[in-house]
């Protein structure tokens, strides 16, 4: 399978010429909580401008230089254990950016255009790839545009099935999306790796074709491109939510246990009404089309080595009715990852293991859309650095994540 040199050249030009948001002297703190009360007390920082809870639960937090003295004083006065794990976030971003740029230069110079997992692809590279798959494997693959974003980018889905590339209602449907949070590049690429394996190595995975696969590899194309070209740590979409602020957190925008937030500039702002965003609407409409066959929903995120099941909206947590089945399937997937030398994933209820959140896609999938099972996968984040997983580790993460997909597909 090939990707065109024109796309590589265009991508390289955009990345080199784009003006980048700088995170110079931003620090990331690793927090160790002695109790849930300490964790709850830290939540007062979550809505402050210049504060970014990287893992949601507050174990890793990025702080603007102007806030670092006050933040450290707060931690010390409340006896909260902490350490600085990234002294300058911009340095890690620059290293990633330089690697991707140099990789694309070398690839262009060598004339190589085959698929690889040695760099993080942008949206156009992903779309070109799945379009080519649809042409080369018409009996296995179909691709369609399921919507458009605020900036009029296409939102594409790919269906992979042994029934001539079309869902006909005879098999269970596994529905997967990646990149609903723009900065989570390793999640997007793990979904692309799944597509690559299912299609180009389909003969190795006959067991997985007992299900139909409906996949949206880039659920937030505007945000994903913005994270590549302008702001590496951008999370939301690009809807203009107010005069001062841009973006809605799509994973707070679904119409199940949705809650209105007061701060439109917050990175977790859930929109003015539930399902207000074009990206959310596209995903919901696609789910509705296959409602009678839906069995398993997987939202692929980074990071944290967690396999989380509903519900996320309440603390104390509200368990899904078939929580025991969710736990068993999740634990088998965890063991599958361990069997290939991957990390030890935590399996559990989302609100209990991670944090409470309203209007999430996984809660919507199980609570409203008709899925029997639903999980949020928080993949490996590359040690202390978090979202900027080194490209050298990408293939290992994608391969380990594939074991989750394969294990779960055999268990439903």
Protein backbone atom coordinates (compact mmCIF):
# COMPACT_ATOMS: atom_id res chain seq x y z
CA UNK A 1 0.00 0.00 0.00
CA UNK A 2 1.38 3.41 -0.97
CA UNK A 3 0.91 7.01 0.09
CA UNK A 4 1.59 9.68 -2.49
CA UNK A 5 4.76 11.76 -2.47
CA UNK A 6 2.60 14.85 -3.06
CA UNK A 7 0.91 14.37 0.29
CA UNK A 8 4.25 13.90 2.04
CA UNK A 9 5.62 17.08 0.44
CA UNK A 10 2.52 19.12 1.28
CA UNK A 11 2.55 17.88 4.86
CA UNK A 12 6.18 18.73 5.28
CA UNK A 13 5.66 22.25 3.96
CA UNK A 14 2.76 22.91 6.29
CA UNK A 15 4.60 21.62 9.34
CA UNK A 16 7.68 23.69 8.64
CA UNK A 17 5.81 26.93 7.86
CA UNK A 18 3.08 26.81 10.51
CA UNK A 19 3.34 29.10 13.53
CA UNK A 20 3.47 26.92 16.64
CA UNK A 21 2.11 27.63 20.10
CA UNK A 22 5.02 27.52 22.54
CA UNK A 23 5.05 25.72 25.88
CA UNK A 24 8.44 27.07 26.86
CA UNK A 25 9.11 26.64 30.60
CA UNK A 26 5.76 24.96 31.25
CA UNK A 27 6.33 22.20 33.79
CA UNK A 28 4.57 18.91 34.35
CA UNK A 29 4.16 17.71 37.92
CA UNK A 30 3.60 14.13 38.97
CA UNK A 31 1.25 14.00 41.94
CA UNK A 32 0.94 11.13 44.41
CA UNK A 33 -2.24 11.28 46.47
CA UNK A 34 -2.40 9.86 49.97
CA UNK A 35 -6.20 10.02 49.95
CA UNK A 36 -9.19 10.84 47.78
CA UNK A 37 -9.64 14.02 49.87
CA UNK A 38 -6.26 15.26 48.62
CA UNK A 39 -7.31 14.47 45.07
CA UNK A 40 -10.62 16.29 45.51
CA UNK A 41 -8.85 19.32 47.00
CA UNK A 42 -6.65 19.64 43.94
CA UNK A 43 -9.72 19.91 41.70
CA UNK A 44 -9.95 23.64 42.46
CA UNK A 45 -7.00 24.14 40.09
CA UNK A 46 -8.62 22.32 37.17
CA UNK A 47 -10.57 25.30 35.77
CA UNK A 48 -7.73 27.81 36.02
CA UNK A 49 -6.23 29.16 32.80
CA UNK A 50 -2.72 27.82 32.40
CA UNK A 51 -3.47 24.55 34.20
CA UNK A 52 -3.91 21.32 32.26
CA UNK A 53 -4.77 18.04 33.99
CA UNK A 54 -3.11 15.70 31.53
CA UNK A 55 -4.68 12.51 32.82
CA UNK A 56 -7.89 13.98 34.22
CA UNK A 57 -7.41 12.42 37.64
CA UNK A 58 -4.69 14.92 38.50
CA UNK A 59 -1.72 12.58 38.65
CA UNK A 60 0.10 14.60 35.97
CA UNK A 61 -0.56 18.32 35.67
CA UNK A 62 0.99 20.90 33.33
CA UNK A 63 1.40 24.37 34.84
CA UNK A 64 2.06 27.75 33.18
CA UNK A 65 5.32 29.38 34.35
CA UNK A 66 3.44 32.26 36.06
CA UNK A 67 1.46 29.82 38.22
CA UNK A 68 4.23 27.45 39.22
CA UNK A 69 5.24 29.19 42.46
CA UNK A 70 1.65 29.37 43.73
CA UNK A 71 0.98 25.79 42.66
CA UNK A 72 4.05 24.45 44.43
CA UNK A 73 3.13 26.42 47.56
CA UNK A 74 -0.33 24.86 47.48
CA UNK A 75 1.12 21.37 47.20
CA UNK A 76 3.60 21.93 50.03
CA UNK A 77 1.07 23.52 52.39
CA UNK A 78 -1.34 20.63 51.82
CA UNK A 79 1.41 18.02 52.19
CA UNK A 80 0.73 16.58 48.73
CA UNK A 81 3.59 14.48 47.41
CA UNK A 82 4.88 15.70 44.06
CA UNK A 83 7.82 15.94 41.69
CA UNK A 84 8.59 17.75 38.44
CA UNK A 85 8.80 15.17 35.66
CA UNK A 86 9.04 17.56 32.70
CA UNK A 87 10.99 20.74 33.33
CA UNK A 88 10.26 22.32 29.94
CA UNK A 89 7.36 20.92 27.91
CA UNK A 90 8.44 22.77 24.78
CA UNK A 91 11.68 20.78 24.69
CA UNK A 92 9.80 17.49 24.42
CA UNK A 93 7.46 18.92 21.77
CA UNK A 94 10.38 20.25 19.73
CA UNK A 95 12.06 16.85 19.80
CA UNK A 96 8.87 15.20 18.52
CA UNK A 97 8.31 17.87 15.85
CA UNK A 98 11.90 17.68 14.62
CA UNK A 99 11.73 13.90 14.41
CA UNK A 100 8.53 13.95 12.34
CA UNK A 101 9.88 16.65 10.01
CA UNK A 102 13.21 14.91 9.50
CA UNK A 103 11.49 11.58 8.98
CA UNK A 104 9.25 13.02 6.27
CA UNK A 105 12.25 14.67 4.58
CA UNK A 106 14.14 11.38 4.54
CA UNK A 107 11.11 9.49 3.29
CA UNK A 108 10.61 11.96 0.45
CA UNK A 109 14.29 11.88 -0.50
CA UNK A 110 14.35 8.07 -0.55
CA UNK A 111 11.21 7.82 -2.65
CA UNK A 112 9.69 5.35 -0.18
CA UNK A 113 5.92 5.65 -0.02
CA UNK A 114 4.88 2.43 1.73
CA UNK A 115 2.84 2.38 4.91
CA UNK A 116 4.86 2.66 8.09
CA UNK A 117 4.35 3.26 11.78
CA UNK A 118 7.56 5.17 12.33
CA UNK A 119 5.90 8.59 12.52
CA UNK A 120 2.53 10.11 13.42
CA UNK A 121 0.31 10.58 10.39
CA UNK A 122 -1.80 13.65 9.81
CA UNK A 123 -5.46 13.49 8.75
CA UNK A 124 -4.80 13.59 5.01
CA UNK A 125 -2.31 10.75 5.20
CA UNK A 126 -4.88 8.66 7.08
CA UNK A 127 -7.70 9.51 4.67
CA UNK A 128 -5.56 8.80 1.61
CA UNK A 129 -4.66 5.44 3.10
CA UNK A 130 -8.18 4.28 3.86
CA UNK A 131 -9.39 5.52 0.46
CA UNK A 132 -6.71 3.41 -1.20
CA UNK A 133 -7.77 0.42 0.89
CA UNK A 134 -11.34 0.84 -0.36
CA UNK A 135 -10.10 0.73 -3.96
CA UNK A 136 -7.76 -2.23 -3.50
CA UNK A 137 -10.02 -4.31 -1.24
CA UNK A 138 -13.59 -3.56 -2.39
CA UNK A 139 -14.91 -6.87 -1.05
CA UNK A 140 -13.61 -6.07 2.41
CA UNK A 141 -13.64 -2.29 2.80
CA UNK A 142 -15.95 0.64 2.26
CA UNK A 143 -15.23 4.26 3.17
CA UNK A 144 -17.69 7.11 3.46
CA UNK A 145 -17.95 10.70 4.61
CA UNK A 146 -20.26 10.74 7.64
CA UNK A 147 -20.15 14.48 8.27
CA UNK A 148 -18.21 17.72 8.11
CA UNK A 149 -16.54 19.76 10.83
CA UNK A 150 -16.83 23.43 11.72
CA UNK A 151 -13.88 24.12 9.39
CA UNK A 152 -15.54 21.95 6.71
CA UNK A 153 -13.16 19.02 6.98
CA UNK A 154 -14.55 15.62 6.15
CA UNK A 155 -15.23 13.12 8.93
CA UNK A 156 -14.67 9.67 7.43
CA UNK A 157 -15.57 6.18 8.55
CA UNK A 158 -14.23 2.89 7.29
CA UNK A 159 -16.26 -0.32 7.42
CA UNK A 160 -14.34 -3.61 7.37
CA UNK A 161 -16.41 -6.76 6.91
CA UNK A 162 -16.29 -10.02 5.01
CA UNK A 163 -19.80 -9.32 3.64
CA UNK A 164 -18.63 -7.27 0.64
CA UNK A 165 -17.53 -4.32 2.72
CA UNK A 166 -21.07 -3.60 3.94
CA UNK A 167 -22.85 -4.19 7.23
CA UNK A 168 -25.89 -6.34 6.46
CA UNK A 169 -27.10 -7.04 9.99
CA UNK A 170 -26.00 -10.67 10.16
CA UNK A 171 -23.04 -10.12 12.49
CA UNK A 172 -22.32 -8.07 15.63
CA UNK A 173 -20.87 -4.59 15.02
CA UNK A 174 -17.79 -3.33 16.82
CA UNK A 175 -17.68 0.48 16.66
CA UNK A 176 -14.37 2.27 17.31
CA UNK A 177 -13.31 5.89 17.24
CA UNK A 178 -9.94 7.53 17.79
CA UNK A 179 -8.73 11.07 18.27
CA UNK A 180 -11.85 12.58 19.80
CA UNK A 181 -9.26 14.41 21.89
CA UNK A 182 -6.98 16.02 19.35
CA UNK A 183 -3.64 15.70 21.09
CA UNK A 184 -3.89 11.94 21.65
CA UNK A 185 -1.94 10.97 18.56
CA UNK A 186 -0.94 7.49 19.73
CA UNK A 187 -4.64 6.61 20.03
CA UNK A 188 -5.28 7.63 16.44
CA UNK A 189 -2.31 5.66 15.18
CA UNK A 190 -3.30 2.55 17.15
CA UNK A 191 -6.65 2.67 15.35
CA UNK A 192 -4.86 3.06 12.00
CA UNK A 193 -2.71 0.05 12.90
CA UNK A 194 -5.87 -1.98 13.58
CA UNK A 195 -7.21 -1.00 10.15
CA UNK A 196 -3.90 -1.96 8.53
CA UNK A 197 -3.82 -5.39 10.19
CA UNK A 198 -7.49 -6.22 9.58
CA UNK A 199 -7.32 -5.31 5.90
CA UNK A 200 -3.81 -6.00 4.63
CA UNK A 201 -3.33 -9.10 6.81
CA UNK A 202 -6.93 -10.26 6.92
CA UNK A 203 -5.90 -13.87 6.27
CA UNK A 204 -4.24 -13.93 9.71
CA UNK A 205 -7.35 -12.84 11.61
CA UNK A 206 -10.28 -14.91 10.41
CA UNK A 207 -11.63 -15.03 13.96
CA UNK A 208 -11.99 -11.25 14.02
CA UNK A 209 -14.28 -11.33 11.00
CA UNK A 210 -17.02 -12.95 13.00
CA UNK A 211 -17.82 -9.29 13.66
CA UNK A 212 -18.26 -6.26 11.43
CA UNK A 213 -15.97 -3.30 12.17
CA UNK A 214 -17.13 0.30 11.86
CA UNK A 215 -14.23 2.65 12.57
CA UNK A 216 -13.83 6.43 12.69
CA UNK A 217 -10.04 6.86 12.86
CA UNK A 218 -10.08 10.66 13.32
CA UNK A 219 -13.22 11.73 15.17
CA UNK A 220 -11.99 15.32 15.58
CA UNK A 221 -10.23 16.29 12.32
CA UNK A 222 -10.13 20.05 13.00
CA UNK A 223 -8.56 19.57 16.40
CA UNK A 224 -6.21 16.86 15.20
CA UNK A 225 -4.86 19.07 12.42
CA UNK A 226 -4.58 22.01 14.80
CA UNK A 227 -2.52 19.87 17.16
CA UNK A 228 -0.18 19.01 14.28
CA UNK A 229 0.16 22.50 12.82
CA UNK A 230 -0.29 24.97 15.67
CA UNK A 231 -0.80 23.69 19.22
CA UNK A 232 0.55 20.23 20.01
CA UNK A 233 -1.49 19.96 23.21
CA UNK A 234 -4.85 21.07 21.81
CA UNK A 235 -7.67 18.83 23.09
CA UNK A 236 -11.03 20.17 21.87
CA UNK A 237 -12.59 20.76 18.48
CA UNK A 238 -12.41 24.20 16.80
CA UNK A 239 -15.92 25.55 17.31
CA UNK A 240 -15.88 29.22 18.37
CA UNK A 241 -17.53 28.83 21.79
CA UNK A 242 -17.23 32.52 22.75
CA UNK A 243 -15.50 35.72 21.66
CA UNK A 244 -12.47 34.79 23.74
CA UNK A 245 -12.48 31.01 23.53
CA UNK A 246 -12.46 28.25 20.94
CA UNK A 247 -13.38 24.63 21.24
CA UNK A 248 -15.74 22.10 22.78
CA UNK A 249 -14.54 18.93 24.47
CA UNK A 250 -16.33 16.38 22.30
CA UNK A 251 -16.05 13.76 25.02
CA UNK A 252 -18.30 15.92 27.22
CA UNK A 253 -20.83 16.70 24.48
CA UNK A 254 -22.89 13.51 24.22
CA UNK A 255 -26.56 13.52 25.19
CA UNK A 256 -26.37 11.17 28.15
CA UNK A 257 -25.88 12.62 31.63
CA UNK A 258 -24.62 15.80 29.97
CA UNK A 259 -23.92 18.81 32.18
CA UNK A 260 -23.56 22.50 31.29
CA UNK A 261 -20.21 24.02 32.25
CA UNK A 262 -19.79 27.65 33.24
CA UNK A 263 -16.30 28.19 31.79
CA UNK A 264 -16.31 28.17 27.97
CA UNK A 265 -12.52 28.43 27.97
CA UNK A 266 -12.09 25.23 29.99
CA UNK A 267 -10.47 22.31 28.17
CA UNK A 268 -13.40 20.17 29.36
CA UNK A 269 -16.17 22.57 28.25
CA UNK A 270 -19.02 20.35 27.04
CA UNK A 271 -20.82 22.76 24.72
CA UNK A 272 -23.89 24.95 24.97
CA UNK A 273 -26.31 22.00 24.63
CA UNK A 274 -25.81 18.22 24.40
CA UNK A 275 -24.84 16.94 20.97
CA UNK A 276 -24.29 20.49 19.75
CA UNK A 277 -21.14 19.66 17.77
CA UNK A 278 -20.99 18.43 14.20
CA UNK A 279 -18.47 15.75 15.11
CA UNK A 280 -20.70 14.41 17.88
CA UNK A 281 -23.70 14.44 15.57
CA UNK A 282 -21.80 12.45 12.93
CA UNK A 283 -20.82 9.75 15.42
CA UNK A 284 -24.32 9.55 16.89
CA UNK A 285 -25.94 9.26 13.44
CA UNK A 286 -23.56 6.45 12.50
CA UNK A 287 -24.35 4.60 15.71
CA UNK A 288 -28.06 5.01 15.09
CA UNK A 289 -27.77 3.54 11.60
CA UNK A 290 -26.41 0.28 12.96
CA UNK A 291 -28.32 0.30 16.24
CA UNK A 292 -29.85 -3.17 15.82
CA UNK A 293 -26.40 -4.79 15.46
CA UNK A 294 -24.29 -2.77 17.90
CA UNK A 295 -22.48 -4.83 20.53
CA UNK A 296 -19.12 -3.30 21.46
CA UNK A 297 -18.03 0.35 21.55
CA UNK A 298 -14.38 1.35 22.04
CA UNK A 299 -13.21 4.94 22.49
CA UNK A 300 -9.44 4.99 22.04
CA UNK A 301 -7.61 7.61 24.11
CA UNK A 302 -4.25 8.21 25.71
CA UNK A 303 -2.89 7.91 28.25
CA UNK A 304 -2.71 5.90 31.46
CA UNK A 305 -2.77 2.12 30.80
CA UNK A 306 -6.45 1.77 31.71
CA UNK A 307 -9.40 -0.22 30.39
CA UNK A 308 -12.44 1.66 31.72
CA UNK A 309 -16.12 0.78 31.56
CA UNK A 310 -19.29 2.80 32.36
CA UNK A 311 -20.55 4.76 33.99
CA UNK A 312 -18.31 7.83 34.32
CA UNK A 313 -20.92 10.40 35.30
CA UNK A 314 -21.28 9.87 39.04
CA UNK A 315 -19.21 9.71 42.20
CA UNK A 316 -19.86 7.52 44.16
CA UNK A 317 -19.80 5.58 40.94
CA UNK A 318 -22.85 4.03 39.31
CA UNK A 319 -22.00 0.60 37.86
CA UNK A 320 -23.35 -0.53 34.53
CA UNK A 321 -25.82 -3.43 34.87
CA UNK A 322 -23.42 -5.99 33.37
CA UNK A 323 -20.37 -4.69 35.25
CA UNK A 324 -19.12 -8.20 36.01
CA UNK A 325 -19.10 -9.08 32.31
CA UNK A 326 -17.36 -5.81 31.49
CA UNK A 327 -14.71 -6.58 34.10
CA UNK A 328 -14.13 -10.12 32.81
CA UNK A 329 -13.76 -8.99 29.18
CA UNK A 330 -11.45 -6.16 30.26
CA UNK A 331 -9.29 -8.46 32.36
CA UNK A 332 -8.87 -10.90 29.48
CA UNK A 333 -7.81 -8.02 27.26
CA UNK A 334 -5.33 -6.91 29.92
CA UNK A 335 -3.87 -10.43 30.01
CA UNK A 336 -3.59 -10.43 26.21
CA UNK A 337 -1.49 -7.27 26.37
CA UNK A 338 0.73 -8.78 29.06
CA UNK A 339 1.23 -11.88 26.93
CA UNK A 340 3.06 -9.82 24.28
CA UNK A 341 5.17 -7.94 26.81
CA UNK A 342 2.90 -4.92 27.07
CA UNK A 343 2.08 -2.95 30.22
CA UNK A 344 -0.28 -4.06 32.98
CA UNK A 345 -3.55 -2.24 32.34
CA UNK A 346 -5.86 -1.26 35.19
CA UNK A 347 -9.41 -2.52 34.58
CA UNK A 348 -12.39 -0.92 36.29
CA UNK A 349 -15.25 1.53 36.42
CA UNK A 350 -14.32 4.85 34.84
CA UNK A 351 -15.48 7.12 37.67
CA UNK A 352 -13.82 4.97 40.32
CA UNK A 353 -10.50 4.34 38.58
CA UNK A 354 -10.08 7.68 36.83
CA UNK A 355 -12.57 10.48 37.58
CA UNK A 356 -16.19 11.46 37.10
CA UNK A 357 -17.14 13.02 33.76
CA UNK A 358 -20.44 13.98 32.17
CA UNK A 359 -21.60 13.54 28.58
CA UNK A 360 -18.93 11.05 27.56
CA UNK A 361 -19.11 8.93 24.42
CA UNK A 362 -18.79 5.63 26.27
CA UNK A 363 -21.56 6.45 28.72
CA UNK A 364 -23.75 7.47 25.77
CA UNK A 365 -22.92 4.29 23.85
CA UNK A 366 -24.01 1.98 26.66
CA UNK A 367 -26.59 4.20 28.35
CA UNK A 368 -28.46 5.33 25.24
CA UNK A 369 -27.17 4.06 21.88
CA UNK A 370 -27.81 0.37 22.52
CA UNK A 371 -24.33 -1.13 22.87
CA UNK A 372 -24.06 -4.12 25.19
CA UNK A 373 -20.47 -3.28 26.09
CA UNK A 374 -18.46 -0.08 26.04
CA UNK A 375 -14.93 0.84 27.06
CA UNK A 376 -12.65 3.83 27.15
CA UNK A 377 -9.11 2.69 26.43
CA UNK A 378 -6.41 4.91 27.92
CA UNK A 379 -3.30 3.67 26.15
CA UNK A 380 0.35 3.86 27.13
CA UNK A 381 1.70 7.39 27.23
CA UNK A 382 5.43 6.93 26.83
CA UNK A 383 6.70 7.08 30.40
CA UNK A 384 6.68 10.51 32.01
CA UNK A 385 6.13 12.55 28.87
CA UNK A 386 2.46 11.76 28.44
CA UNK A 387 0.91 12.70 25.11
CA UNK A 388 4.11 13.01 23.10
CA UNK A 389 4.87 9.32 22.86
CA UNK A 390 8.23 8.94 21.09
CA UNK A 391 7.68 7.69 17.56
CA UNK A 392 10.19 4.92 18.27
CA UNK A 393 7.66 3.46 20.74
CA UNK A 394 4.61 3.83 18.50
CA UNK A 395 4.68 0.39 16.88
CA UNK A 396 4.99 -1.36 20.26
CA UNK A 397 2.02 0.57 21.64
CA UNK A 398 -0.07 -0.08 18.53
CA UNK A 399 0.79 -3.79 18.57
CA UNK A 400 -0.12 -4.09 22.26
CA UNK A 401 -3.39 -2.24 21.67
CA UNK A 402 -4.22 -4.60 18.82
CA UNK A 403 -4.27 -7.41 21.38
CA UNK A 404 -7.05 -5.55 23.23
CA UNK A 405 -9.08 -5.28 20.03
CA UNK A 406 -8.56 -8.94 19.16
CA UNK A 407 -9.29 -10.24 22.65
CA UNK A 408 -12.46 -8.23 23.04
CA UNK A 409 -13.72 -9.17 19.59
CA UNK A 410 -13.56 -12.85 20.54
CA UNK A 411 -15.31 -12.32 23.88
CA UNK A 412 -18.48 -10.52 22.82
